[in-house]
Amino acid sequence: MSKLLYLESSPRKDRSASIEVAQSFIGAFQDADAKNEVDTLDLWDFQLPEFDGDRINAKYKVLHEENPTNEEAKAWDEISKIVALFKDADSYLFSIPMWNFSIPYKLKHFIDVIIQPGLTFNFSPETGYQGLVTGKPVTVIYARGGEYSSTETIAMDFQKTYMEMILGFIGFQDIKTIMVEPTLTDPESIERTLSASKDQAILFAKHL
């Protein structure tokens, strides 16, 4: 038995290419073992706290090993519970559309909440930064209207490059990529792209 955490960041639902490919991954994961579990975190239907005031003050108290106020401690506990929810999985799946060459703001908000000292990373002057979410595979599905693999366009990709950096920062090493591109093209080409991406998703899921 294995637990997969699926993080969904598109609001388009049945019109989303990234979600469509993710569903193929999830189906194959569940077919591989009837005991496998999938927890879905729809970031458009998940209440995240604003990361301001007591929460950011609590973060710096933790960084500097200072005692938080009661309000800060309460705010930090709220953050800790969300991080615990994230870390309570054996493997991860992200489905991410490209928005303005980067990621949707809902996903960025989630990342800003969970990337915290002592929870998803540690720092010391001797060893630098060390990720704390280790030994777990993650698959990331990227959907984008254009293609960003040429020398002319690769510098505009702040979607895949950011996600790989931030996932590596908190400890992920086994990072698999499924690229769904381009989606702004003719229907036949889109269908071929989706079919190839679904095949890749099924293959990855079967080998979790």
N, C-alpha and C. Protein backbone atom coordinates (compact mmCIF):
# COMPACT_ATOMS: atom_id res chain seq x y z
N MET A 1 0.84 -1.20 0.00
CA MET A 1 0.00 0.00 0.00
C MET A 1 0.87 1.24 0.00
N SER A 2 0.44 2.25 -0.72
CA SER A 2 1.19 3.49 -0.82
C SER A 2 0.20 4.66 -0.86
N LYS A 3 0.61 5.81 -0.29
CA LYS A 3 -0.25 6.99 -0.30
C LYS A 3 0.34 8.05 -1.23
N LEU A 4 -0.49 8.47 -2.17
CA LEU A 4 -0.12 9.52 -3.13
C LEU A 4 -0.86 10.80 -2.76
N LEU A 5 -0.12 11.91 -2.69
CA LEU A 5 -0.75 13.22 -2.52
C LEU A 5 -0.76 13.91 -3.88
N TYR A 6 -1.96 14.19 -4.36
CA TYR A 6 -2.14 14.86 -5.65
C TYR A 6 -2.51 16.32 -5.41
N LEU A 7 -1.68 17.23 -5.91
CA LEU A 7 -1.92 18.66 -5.75
C LEU A 7 -2.36 19.24 -7.10
N GLU A 8 -3.59 19.72 -7.13
CA GLU A 8 -4.21 20.20 -8.36
C GLU A 8 -4.26 21.73 -8.34
N SER A 9 -3.68 22.35 -9.38
CA SER A 9 -3.58 23.82 -9.33
C SER A 9 -4.27 24.53 -10.48
N SER A 10 -5.06 23.82 -11.27
CA SER A 10 -5.81 24.47 -12.34
C SER A 10 -7.28 24.63 -11.94
N PRO A 11 -7.90 25.80 -12.20
CA PRO A 11 -9.31 25.99 -11.92
C PRO A 11 -10.21 25.54 -13.07
N ARG A 12 -9.63 25.07 -14.17
CA ARG A 12 -10.42 24.78 -15.37
C ARG A 12 -11.09 23.40 -15.32
N LYS A 13 -10.60 22.55 -14.44
CA LYS A 13 -11.20 21.23 -14.20
C LYS A 13 -11.36 20.41 -15.48
N ASP A 14 -12.57 20.19 -15.98
CA ASP A 14 -12.74 19.29 -17.11
C ASP A 14 -12.21 19.87 -18.43
N ARG A 15 -11.71 21.11 -18.40
CA ARG A 15 -11.10 21.70 -19.59
C ARG A 15 -9.58 21.81 -19.45
N SER A 16 -9.05 21.21 -18.39
CA SER A 16 -7.62 21.33 -18.08
C SER A 16 -6.83 20.16 -18.63
N ALA A 17 -5.81 20.45 -19.43
CA ALA A 17 -4.94 19.40 -19.97
C ALA A 17 -4.11 18.76 -18.86
N SER A 18 -3.62 19.56 -17.92
CA SER A 18 -2.80 19.01 -16.84
C SER A 18 -3.61 18.06 -15.96
N ILE A 19 -4.86 18.41 -15.68
CA ILE A 19 -5.72 17.55 -14.87
C ILE A 19 -6.07 16.28 -15.63
N GLU A 20 -6.33 16.39 -16.91
CA GLU A 20 -6.68 15.21 -17.71
C GLU A 20 -5.55 14.18 -17.68
N VAL A 21 -4.33 14.64 -17.82
CA VAL A 21 -3.18 13.72 -17.76
C VAL A 21 -3.01 13.18 -16.35
N ALA A 22 -3.23 14.02 -15.35
CA ALA A 22 -3.12 13.57 -13.95
C ALA A 22 -4.11 12.45 -13.65
N GLN A 23 -5.30 12.52 -14.20
CA GLN A 23 -6.29 11.48 -13.96
C GLN A 23 -5.83 10.13 -14.51
N SER A 24 -5.11 10.14 -15.62
CA SER A 24 -4.55 8.89 -16.16
C SER A 24 -3.51 8.33 -15.19
N PHE A 25 -2.69 9.21 -14.63
CA PHE A 25 -1.68 8.79 -13.64
C PHE A 25 -2.37 8.17 -12.43
N ILE A 26 -3.37 8.85 -11.90
CA ILE A 26 -4.06 8.37 -10.71
C ILE A 26 -4.75 7.03 -10.96
N GLY A 27 -5.38 6.91 -12.12
CA GLY A 27 -6.05 5.65 -12.46
C GLY A 27 -5.08 4.49 -12.49
N ALA A 28 -3.91 4.70 -13.09
CA ALA A 28 -2.90 3.65 -13.17
C ALA A 28 -2.33 3.33 -11.79
N PHE A 29 -2.16 4.35 -10.96
CA PHE A 29 -1.66 4.15 -9.60
C PHE A 29 -2.63 3.30 -8.79
N GLN A 30 -3.91 3.58 -8.91
CA GLN A 30 -4.91 2.82 -8.17
C GLN A 30 -5.07 1.41 -8.73
N ASP A 31 -4.93 1.24 -10.03
CA ASP A 31 -5.03 -0.08 -10.63
C ASP A 31 -3.85 -0.97 -10.24
N ALA A 32 -2.70 -0.35 -9.96
CA ALA A 32 -1.51 -1.12 -9.62
C ALA A 32 -1.66 -1.87 -8.30
N ASP A 33 -2.44 -1.30 -7.38
CA ASP A 33 -2.66 -1.93 -6.07
C ASP A 33 -3.96 -1.38 -5.51
N ALA A 34 -4.89 -2.26 -5.24
CA ALA A 34 -6.21 -1.83 -4.74
C ALA A 34 -6.11 -1.11 -3.39
N LYS A 35 -5.00 -1.32 -2.68
CA LYS A 35 -4.82 -0.69 -1.37
C LYS A 35 -4.18 0.69 -1.47
N ASN A 36 -3.74 1.08 -2.65
CA ASN A 36 -3.13 2.40 -2.80
C ASN A 36 -4.15 3.50 -2.50
N GLU A 37 -3.69 4.55 -1.84
CA GLU A 37 -4.56 5.66 -1.47
C GLU A 37 -4.16 6.92 -2.22
N VAL A 38 -5.15 7.73 -2.56
CA VAL A 38 -4.91 9.03 -3.20
C VAL A 38 -5.60 10.11 -2.40
N ASP A 39 -4.82 11.06 -1.91
CA ASP A 39 -5.38 12.25 -1.27
C ASP A 39 -5.25 13.40 -2.26
N THR A 40 -6.38 14.00 -2.61
CA THR A 40 -6.38 15.11 -3.56
C THR A 40 -6.48 16.44 -2.83
N LEU A 41 -5.56 17.33 -3.15
CA LEU A 41 -5.57 18.67 -2.58
C LEU A 41 -5.82 19.66 -3.71
N ASP A 42 -7.08 20.06 -3.85
CA ASP A 42 -7.46 21.04 -4.86
C ASP A 42 -7.15 22.42 -4.29
N LEU A 43 -6.13 23.06 -4.82
CA LEU A 43 -5.68 24.34 -4.26
C LEU A 43 -6.66 25.48 -4.49
N TRP A 44 -7.69 25.24 -5.30
CA TRP A 44 -8.74 26.24 -5.49
C TRP A 44 -9.90 26.02 -4.51
N ASP A 45 -9.78 24.97 -3.70
CA ASP A 45 -10.83 24.67 -2.73
C ASP A 45 -10.20 24.34 -1.38
N PHE A 46 -9.04 24.93 -1.12
CA PHE A 46 -8.30 24.64 0.11
C PHE A 46 -7.96 25.98 0.76
N GLN A 47 -8.42 26.16 1.98
CA GLN A 47 -8.22 27.43 2.68
C GLN A 47 -6.79 27.52 3.22
N LEU A 48 -6.05 28.48 2.68
CA LEU A 48 -4.69 28.72 3.14
C LEU A 48 -4.65 30.03 3.93
N PRO A 49 -3.89 30.06 5.02
CA PRO A 49 -3.78 31.31 5.77
C PRO A 49 -2.92 32.32 5.01
N GLU A 50 -3.23 33.59 5.18
CA GLU A 50 -2.35 34.62 4.64
C GLU A 50 -1.02 34.54 5.38
N PHE A 51 0.07 34.61 4.62
CA PHE A 51 1.38 34.51 5.28
C PHE A 51 1.88 35.92 5.61
N ASP A 52 1.32 36.46 6.69
CA ASP A 52 1.67 37.82 7.10
C ASP A 52 1.61 37.90 8.62
N GLY A 53 1.91 39.06 9.14
CA GLY A 53 1.76 39.32 10.57
C GLY A 53 2.40 38.28 11.46
N ASP A 54 1.59 37.64 12.31
CA ASP A 54 2.10 36.69 13.29
C ASP A 54 2.80 35.51 12.63
N ARG A 55 2.37 35.12 11.45
CA ARG A 55 2.96 33.94 10.80
C ARG A 55 4.39 34.22 10.35
N ILE A 56 4.59 35.36 9.71
CA ILE A 56 5.96 35.66 9.26
C ILE A 56 6.86 36.00 10.45
N ASN A 57 6.29 36.62 11.48
CA ASN A 57 7.07 36.88 12.69
C ASN A 57 7.49 35.58 13.36
N ALA A 58 6.57 34.61 13.38
CA ALA A 58 6.88 33.32 13.98
C ALA A 58 8.01 32.63 13.20
N LYS A 59 7.99 32.75 11.87
CA LYS A 59 9.04 32.15 11.05
C LYS A 59 10.42 32.68 11.46
N TYR A 60 10.52 33.97 11.62
CA TYR A 60 11.82 34.54 11.97
C TYR A 60 12.21 34.25 13.41
N LYS A 61 11.22 34.08 14.28
CA LYS A 61 11.54 33.64 15.64
C LYS A 61 12.14 32.24 15.61
N VAL A 62 11.58 31.35 14.76
CA VAL A 62 12.12 30.00 14.62
C VAL A 62 13.53 30.06 14.04
N LEU A 63 13.72 30.87 13.01
CA LEU A 63 15.04 30.98 12.38
C LEU A 63 16.11 31.44 13.37
N HIS A 64 15.73 32.36 14.25
CA HIS A 64 16.70 32.94 15.20
C HIS A 64 16.62 32.29 16.58
N GLU A 65 15.87 31.18 16.67
CA GLU A 65 15.76 30.41 17.92
C GLU A 65 15.29 31.29 19.08
N GLU A 66 14.30 32.12 18.79
CA GLU A 66 13.70 32.97 19.81
C GLU A 66 12.32 32.44 20.17
N ASN A 67 11.80 32.85 21.31
CA ASN A 67 10.50 32.40 21.77
C ASN A 67 9.39 33.25 21.14
N PRO A 68 8.42 32.60 20.50
CA PRO A 68 7.32 33.37 19.90
C PRO A 68 6.31 33.80 20.96
N THR A 69 5.52 34.80 20.63
CA THR A 69 4.40 35.18 21.50
C THR A 69 3.32 34.11 21.37
N ASN A 70 2.30 34.20 22.23
CA ASN A 70 1.20 33.23 22.14
C ASN A 70 0.52 33.28 20.78
N GLU A 71 0.33 34.50 20.26
CA GLU A 71 -0.32 34.65 18.96
C GLU A 71 0.55 34.07 17.84
N GLU A 72 1.85 34.30 17.93
CA GLU A 72 2.78 33.76 16.93
C GLU A 72 2.84 32.24 17.00
N ALA A 73 2.84 31.70 18.22
CA ALA A 73 2.87 30.25 18.39
C ALA A 73 1.62 29.61 17.80
N LYS A 74 0.49 30.25 18.00
CA LYS A 74 -0.77 29.74 17.43
C LYS A 74 -0.71 29.78 15.90
N ALA A 75 -0.18 30.86 15.35
CA ALA A 75 -0.06 31.00 13.90
C ALA A 75 0.90 29.95 13.34
N TRP A 76 1.99 29.70 14.05
CA TRP A 76 2.96 28.71 13.60
C TRP A 76 2.38 27.30 13.66
N ASP A 77 1.57 27.04 14.65
CA ASP A 77 0.91 25.73 14.74
C ASP A 77 0.01 25.49 13.54
N GLU A 78 -0.66 26.54 13.08
CA GLU A 78 -1.51 26.44 11.91
C GLU A 78 -0.68 26.07 10.68
N ILE A 79 0.47 26.71 10.53
CA ILE A 79 1.38 26.40 9.43
C ILE A 79 1.89 24.95 9.55
N SER A 80 2.25 24.56 10.76
CA SER A 80 2.81 23.22 10.99
C SER A 80 1.82 22.13 10.60
N LYS A 81 0.55 22.35 10.84
CA LYS A 81 -0.47 21.36 10.49
C LYS A 81 -0.59 21.19 8.99
N ILE A 82 -0.47 22.28 8.24
CA ILE A 82 -0.53 22.19 6.79
C ILE A 82 0.69 21.47 6.26
N VAL A 83 1.85 21.76 6.83
CA VAL A 83 3.08 21.07 6.42
C VAL A 83 2.98 19.57 6.73
N ALA A 84 2.42 19.23 7.89
CA ALA A 84 2.25 17.82 8.25
C ALA A 84 1.35 17.12 7.26
N LEU A 85 0.29 17.79 6.82
CA LEU A 85 -0.59 17.21 5.81
C LEU A 85 0.19 16.94 4.53
N PHE A 86 1.04 17.89 4.15
CA PHE A 86 1.85 17.73 2.94
C PHE A 86 2.84 16.58 3.07
N LYS A 87 3.48 16.48 4.20
CA LYS A 87 4.55 15.48 4.38
C LYS A 87 4.01 14.07 4.61
N ASP A 88 2.73 13.94 4.91
CA ASP A 88 2.14 12.63 5.20
C ASP A 88 1.75 11.90 3.92
N ALA A 89 2.74 11.66 3.08
CA ALA A 89 2.50 10.94 1.82
C ALA A 89 3.76 10.18 1.46
N ASP A 90 3.58 9.14 0.66
CA ASP A 90 4.72 8.36 0.20
C ASP A 90 5.25 8.85 -1.14
N SER A 91 4.37 9.47 -1.92
CA SER A 91 4.75 10.02 -3.22
C SER A 91 3.82 11.18 -3.56
N TYR A 92 4.21 11.95 -4.58
CA TYR A 92 3.51 13.19 -4.89
C TYR A 92 3.26 13.32 -6.39
N LEU A 93 2.14 14.00 -6.70
CA LEU A 93 1.80 14.33 -8.08
C LEU A 93 1.30 15.77 -8.11
N PHE A 94 1.91 16.59 -8.96
CA PHE A 94 1.47 17.95 -9.19
C PHE A 94 0.94 18.07 -10.61
N SER A 95 -0.18 18.75 -10.81
CA SER A 95 -0.63 19.12 -12.16
C SER A 95 -0.66 20.64 -12.21
N ILE A 96 0.11 21.20 -13.17
CA ILE A 96 0.36 22.64 -13.14
C ILE A 96 0.22 23.25 -14.54
N PRO A 97 -0.73 24.15 -14.73
CA PRO A 97 -0.77 24.91 -15.97
C PRO A 97 0.22 26.07 -15.90
N MET A 98 0.72 26.50 -17.05
CA MET A 98 1.57 27.68 -17.07
C MET A 98 0.71 28.93 -17.09
N TRP A 99 0.99 29.82 -16.16
CA TRP A 99 0.33 31.12 -16.11
C TRP A 99 1.39 32.21 -16.22
N ASN A 100 1.32 33.01 -17.27
CA ASN A 100 2.27 34.11 -17.44
C ASN A 100 3.72 33.64 -17.27
N PHE A 101 4.01 32.50 -17.91
CA PHE A 101 5.35 31.90 -17.93
C PHE A 101 5.77 31.30 -16.59
N SER A 102 4.85 31.22 -15.63
CA SER A 102 5.19 30.68 -14.31
C SER A 102 4.05 29.78 -13.84
N ILE A 103 3.78 29.78 -12.53
CA ILE A 103 2.79 28.89 -11.94
C ILE A 103 1.60 29.69 -11.43
N PRO A 104 0.42 29.06 -11.26
CA PRO A 104 -0.74 29.78 -10.71
C PRO A 104 -0.46 30.30 -9.30
N TYR A 105 -1.04 31.43 -8.98
CA TYR A 105 -0.78 32.06 -7.68
C TYR A 105 -1.26 31.21 -6.52
N LYS A 106 -2.25 30.36 -6.74
CA LYS A 106 -2.71 29.48 -5.66
C LYS A 106 -1.61 28.50 -5.26
N LEU A 107 -0.90 27.98 -6.23
CA LEU A 107 0.21 27.07 -5.94
C LEU A 107 1.36 27.82 -5.28
N LYS A 108 1.64 29.03 -5.76
CA LYS A 108 2.70 29.83 -5.13
C LYS A 108 2.36 30.12 -3.67
N HIS A 109 1.10 30.41 -3.39
CA HIS A 109 0.67 30.65 -2.01
C HIS A 109 0.93 29.41 -1.16
N PHE A 110 0.57 28.24 -1.68
CA PHE A 110 0.79 27.00 -0.94
C PHE A 110 2.27 26.79 -0.67
N ILE A 111 3.10 27.03 -1.67
CA ILE A 111 4.54 26.88 -1.51
C ILE A 111 5.06 27.83 -0.44
N ASP A 112 4.60 29.08 -0.46
CA ASP A 112 5.06 30.06 0.53
C ASP A 112 4.66 29.67 1.95
N VAL A 113 3.58 28.93 2.09
CA VAL A 113 3.14 28.48 3.42
C VAL A 113 3.98 27.30 3.91
N ILE A 114 4.31 26.35 3.03
CA ILE A 114 4.95 25.12 3.51
C ILE A 114 6.48 25.17 3.54
N ILE A 115 7.10 26.11 2.83
CA ILE A 115 8.56 26.17 2.84
C ILE A 115 9.00 26.93 4.09
N GLN A 116 9.22 26.17 5.17
CA GLN A 116 9.47 26.78 6.48
C GLN A 116 10.63 26.09 7.19
N PRO A 117 11.42 26.87 7.93
CA PRO A 117 12.55 26.31 8.68
C PRO A 117 12.09 25.32 9.73
N GLY A 118 12.82 24.23 9.83
CA GLY A 118 12.50 23.21 10.81
C GLY A 118 11.36 22.30 10.41
N LEU A 119 10.66 22.64 9.32
CA LEU A 119 9.53 21.84 8.86
C LEU A 119 9.82 21.18 7.52
N THR A 120 10.29 21.97 6.55
CA THR A 120 10.64 21.40 5.25
C THR A 120 12.10 21.64 4.89
N PHE A 121 12.81 22.46 5.67
CA PHE A 121 14.24 22.62 5.47
C PHE A 121 14.91 23.07 6.76
N ASN A 122 16.20 22.82 6.85
CA ASN A 122 17.02 23.31 7.95
C ASN A 122 18.17 24.14 7.37
N PHE A 123 18.74 24.96 8.22
CA PHE A 123 19.91 25.75 7.80
C PHE A 123 20.91 25.82 8.95
N SER A 124 22.18 25.67 8.62
CA SER A 124 23.25 25.92 9.58
C SER A 124 24.42 26.52 8.82
N PRO A 125 25.21 27.37 9.48
CA PRO A 125 26.37 27.97 8.81
C PRO A 125 27.37 26.93 8.32
N GLU A 126 27.41 25.80 9.00
CA GLU A 126 28.38 24.77 8.63
C GLU A 126 27.96 23.98 7.40
N THR A 127 26.69 23.61 7.33
CA THR A 127 26.23 22.73 6.24
C THR A 127 25.34 23.44 5.23
N GLY A 128 24.93 24.67 5.52
CA GLY A 128 24.04 25.38 4.61
C GLY A 128 22.61 24.87 4.73
N TYR A 129 21.88 24.92 3.61
CA TYR A 129 20.49 24.48 3.60
C TYR A 129 20.40 22.97 3.38
N GLN A 130 19.47 22.34 4.10
CA GLN A 130 19.22 20.91 3.94
C GLN A 130 17.72 20.67 3.89
N GLY A 131 17.26 20.01 2.82
CA GLY A 131 15.85 19.69 2.70
C GLY A 131 15.44 18.58 3.64
N LEU A 132 14.20 18.63 4.10
CA LEU A 132 13.71 17.64 5.06
C LEU A 132 12.65 16.70 4.48
N VAL A 133 12.25 16.92 3.23
CA VAL A 133 11.28 16.02 2.58
C VAL A 133 12.09 15.14 1.64
N THR A 134 12.56 14.02 2.17
CA THR A 134 13.53 13.21 1.43
C THR A 134 13.01 11.78 1.21
N GLY A 135 13.61 11.12 0.22
CA GLY A 135 13.32 9.72 -0.04
C GLY A 135 11.95 9.46 -0.63
N LYS A 136 11.34 10.48 -1.24
CA LYS A 136 10.00 10.33 -1.80
C LYS A 136 9.99 10.80 -3.25
N PRO A 137 9.36 10.03 -4.14
CA PRO A 137 9.30 10.45 -5.54
C PRO A 137 8.18 11.47 -5.78
N VAL A 138 8.41 12.33 -6.77
CA VAL A 138 7.40 13.31 -7.15
C VAL A 138 7.33 13.36 -8.67
N THR A 139 6.13 13.41 -9.19
CA THR A 139 5.89 13.58 -10.62
C THR A 139 5.19 14.91 -10.84
N VAL A 140 5.69 15.68 -11.79
CA VAL A 140 5.11 16.99 -12.06
C VAL A 140 4.64 17.06 -13.51
N ILE A 141 3.37 17.35 -13.68
CA ILE A 141 2.77 17.50 -15.01
C ILE A 141 2.66 18.99 -15.31
N TYR A 142 3.34 19.41 -16.38
CA TYR A 142 3.31 20.81 -16.80
C TYR A 142 2.52 20.92 -18.09
N ALA A 143 1.52 21.78 -18.12
CA ALA A 143 0.78 22.06 -19.35
C ALA A 143 1.05 23.51 -19.74
N ARG A 144 1.33 23.72 -21.02
CA ARG A 144 1.60 25.08 -21.49
C ARG A 144 1.14 25.24 -22.93
N GLY A 145 0.66 26.43 -23.25
CA GLY A 145 0.10 26.66 -24.56
C GLY A 145 1.13 26.59 -25.67
N GLY A 146 2.35 27.06 -25.40
CA GLY A 146 3.42 27.04 -26.38
C GLY A 146 4.48 26.02 -26.04
N GLU A 147 5.57 26.04 -26.79
CA GLU A 147 6.72 25.17 -26.52
C GLU A 147 7.86 26.02 -26.00
N TYR A 148 8.52 25.52 -24.97
CA TYR A 148 9.58 26.29 -24.31
C TYR A 148 10.88 25.50 -24.22
N SER A 149 11.21 24.81 -25.30
CA SER A 149 12.42 23.99 -25.31
C SER A 149 13.50 24.54 -26.22
N SER A 150 13.18 25.52 -27.04
CA SER A 150 14.17 26.08 -27.96
C SER A 150 15.05 27.09 -27.23
N THR A 151 16.18 27.42 -27.82
CA THR A 151 17.09 28.40 -27.22
C THR A 151 16.43 29.78 -27.13
N GLU A 152 15.46 30.04 -28.00
CA GLU A 152 14.79 31.34 -27.99
C GLU A 152 13.75 31.44 -26.88
N THR A 153 13.15 30.31 -26.49
CA THR A 153 12.03 30.37 -25.53
C THR A 153 12.35 29.79 -24.15
N ILE A 154 13.42 29.03 -24.03
CA ILE A 154 13.68 28.34 -22.75
C ILE A 154 13.88 29.32 -21.60
N ALA A 155 14.40 30.51 -21.90
CA ALA A 155 14.62 31.50 -20.85
C ALA A 155 13.31 32.07 -20.32
N MET A 156 12.21 31.83 -21.03
CA MET A 156 10.90 32.34 -20.58
C MET A 156 10.17 31.35 -19.68
N ASP A 157 10.76 30.18 -19.48
CA ASP A 157 10.11 29.14 -18.68
C ASP A 157 10.45 29.31 -17.20
N PHE A 158 9.55 29.93 -16.46
CA PHE A 158 9.69 30.06 -15.01
C PHE A 158 8.72 29.12 -14.29
N GLN A 159 8.16 28.20 -15.03
CA GLN A 159 7.24 27.19 -14.48
C GLN A 159 8.04 25.97 -14.03
N LYS A 160 8.62 25.27 -14.97
CA LYS A 160 9.39 24.05 -14.66
C LYS A 160 10.65 24.38 -13.87
N THR A 161 11.35 25.44 -14.26
CA THR A 161 12.61 25.76 -13.58
C THR A 161 12.37 26.10 -12.11
N TYR A 162 11.29 26.84 -11.83
CA TYR A 162 11.00 27.19 -10.44
C TYR A 162 10.61 25.96 -9.64
N MET A 163 9.74 25.13 -10.18
CA MET A 163 9.28 23.95 -9.45
C MET A 163 10.43 23.00 -9.15
N GLU A 164 11.32 22.80 -10.10
CA GLU A 164 12.44 21.90 -9.87
C GLU A 164 13.38 22.46 -8.81
N MET A 165 13.58 23.77 -8.82
CA MET A 165 14.43 24.38 -7.81
C MET A 165 13.82 24.24 -6.42
N ILE A 166 12.51 24.57 -6.30
CA ILE A 166 11.89 24.58 -4.97
C ILE A 166 11.72 23.16 -4.43
N LEU A 167 11.41 22.19 -5.30
CA LEU A 167 11.29 20.81 -4.85
C LEU A 167 12.65 20.27 -4.41
N GLY A 168 13.69 20.59 -5.16
CA GLY A 168 15.04 20.17 -4.77
C GLY A 168 15.47 20.82 -3.48
N PHE A 169 15.07 22.07 -3.27
CA PHE A 169 15.44 22.80 -2.06
C PHE A 169 14.93 22.11 -0.81
N ILE A 170 13.70 21.54 -0.87
CA ILE A 170 13.15 20.90 0.34
C ILE A 170 13.46 19.40 0.39
N GLY A 171 14.29 18.90 -0.54
CA GLY A 171 14.79 17.54 -0.38
C GLY A 171 14.47 16.54 -1.45
N PHE A 172 13.57 16.87 -2.39
CA PHE A 172 13.22 15.91 -3.43
C PHE A 172 14.39 15.71 -4.39
N GLN A 173 14.67 14.44 -4.68
CA GLN A 173 15.71 14.11 -5.65
C GLN A 173 15.15 13.32 -6.82
N ASP A 174 14.15 12.51 -6.56
CA ASP A 174 13.51 11.72 -7.61
C ASP A 174 12.34 12.54 -8.17
N ILE A 175 12.65 13.38 -9.17
CA ILE A 175 11.65 14.28 -9.76
C ILE A 175 11.43 13.88 -11.22
N LYS A 176 10.22 13.43 -11.53
CA LYS A 176 9.89 13.05 -12.90
C LYS A 176 9.00 14.12 -13.53
N THR A 177 9.19 14.34 -14.82
CA THR A 177 8.51 15.41 -15.53
C THR A 177 7.66 14.86 -16.67
N ILE A 178 6.45 15.38 -16.78
CA ILE A 178 5.58 15.12 -17.93
C ILE A 178 5.22 16.48 -18.53
N MET A 179 5.62 16.69 -19.78
CA MET A 179 5.42 17.97 -20.43
C MET A 179 4.28 17.87 -21.43
N VAL A 180 3.23 18.65 -21.22
CA VAL A 180 2.09 18.68 -22.12
C VAL A 180 2.15 20.00 -22.88
N GLU A 181 2.73 19.95 -24.07
CA GLU A 181 2.90 21.17 -24.86
C GLU A 181 3.05 20.83 -26.34
N PRO A 182 2.61 21.72 -27.24
CA PRO A 182 1.79 22.91 -26.98
C PRO A 182 0.32 22.55 -26.96
N THR A 183 -0.44 23.25 -26.15
CA THR A 183 -1.89 23.00 -26.09
C THR A 183 -2.68 24.02 -26.92
N LEU A 184 -2.04 25.08 -27.35
CA LEU A 184 -2.71 26.06 -28.21
C LEU A 184 -2.37 25.76 -29.67
N THR A 185 -2.97 24.69 -30.17
CA THR A 185 -2.73 24.26 -31.53
C THR A 185 -3.99 23.60 -32.06
N ASP A 186 -3.89 22.90 -33.19
CA ASP A 186 -5.07 22.28 -33.77
C ASP A 186 -5.50 21.06 -32.97
N PRO A 187 -6.78 20.67 -33.05
CA PRO A 187 -7.32 19.57 -32.24
C PRO A 187 -6.58 18.26 -32.41
N GLU A 188 -6.18 17.91 -33.61
CA GLU A 188 -5.48 16.64 -33.83
C GLU A 188 -4.13 16.62 -33.14
N SER A 189 -3.41 17.73 -33.20
CA SER A 189 -2.11 17.80 -32.53
C SER A 189 -2.27 17.75 -31.02
N ILE A 190 -3.29 18.42 -30.52
CA ILE A 190 -3.55 18.38 -29.07
C ILE A 190 -3.84 16.95 -28.63
N GLU A 191 -4.64 16.23 -29.41
CA GLU A 191 -4.99 14.86 -29.05
C GLU A 191 -3.76 13.96 -29.03
N ARG A 192 -2.86 14.16 -29.98
CA ARG A 192 -1.62 13.37 -30.00
C ARG A 192 -0.76 13.70 -28.78
N THR A 193 -0.68 14.97 -28.46
CA THR A 193 0.11 15.39 -27.30
C THR A 193 -0.46 14.81 -26.01
N LEU A 194 -1.77 14.89 -25.86
CA LEU A 194 -2.42 14.34 -24.67
C LEU A 194 -2.24 12.83 -24.57
N SER A 195 -2.37 12.15 -25.69
CA SER A 195 -2.22 10.69 -25.70
C SER A 195 -0.81 10.28 -25.27
N ALA A 196 0.19 10.96 -25.81
CA ALA A 196 1.57 10.64 -25.44
C ALA A 196 1.84 10.95 -23.97
N SER A 197 1.29 12.05 -23.49
CA SER A 197 1.49 12.44 -22.10
C SER A 197 0.80 11.46 -21.15
N LYS A 198 -0.39 10.99 -21.54
CA LYS A 198 -1.10 10.02 -20.71
C LYS A 198 -0.34 8.69 -20.65
N ASP A 199 0.22 8.26 -21.77
CA ASP A 199 1.00 7.03 -21.78
C ASP A 199 2.20 7.15 -20.84
N GLN A 200 2.84 8.29 -20.87
CA GLN A 200 3.99 8.52 -19.98
C GLN A 200 3.53 8.54 -18.52
N ALA A 201 2.40 9.16 -18.25
CA ALA A 201 1.87 9.22 -16.88
C ALA A 201 1.56 7.82 -16.35
N ILE A 202 0.95 7.00 -17.18
CA ILE A 202 0.61 5.63 -16.79
C ILE A 202 1.88 4.83 -16.49
N LEU A 203 2.90 5.02 -17.31
CA LEU A 203 4.16 4.32 -17.10
C LEU A 203 4.80 4.73 -15.78
N PHE A 204 4.84 6.02 -15.51
CA PHE A 204 5.43 6.51 -14.26
C PHE A 204 4.65 5.98 -13.05
N ALA A 205 3.32 5.99 -13.14
CA ALA A 205 2.49 5.56 -12.01
C ALA A 205 2.68 4.09 -11.70
N LYS A 206 2.84 3.29 -12.73
CA LYS A 206 3.01 1.85 -12.52
C LYS A 206 4.32 1.51 -11.84
N HIS A 207 5.29 2.42 -11.91
CA HIS A 207 6.61 2.15 -11.33
C HIS A 207 6.84 2.91 -10.02
N LEU A 208 5.80 3.40 -9.41
CA LEU A 208 5.96 4.03 -8.10
C LEU A 208 6.30 3.00 -7.03
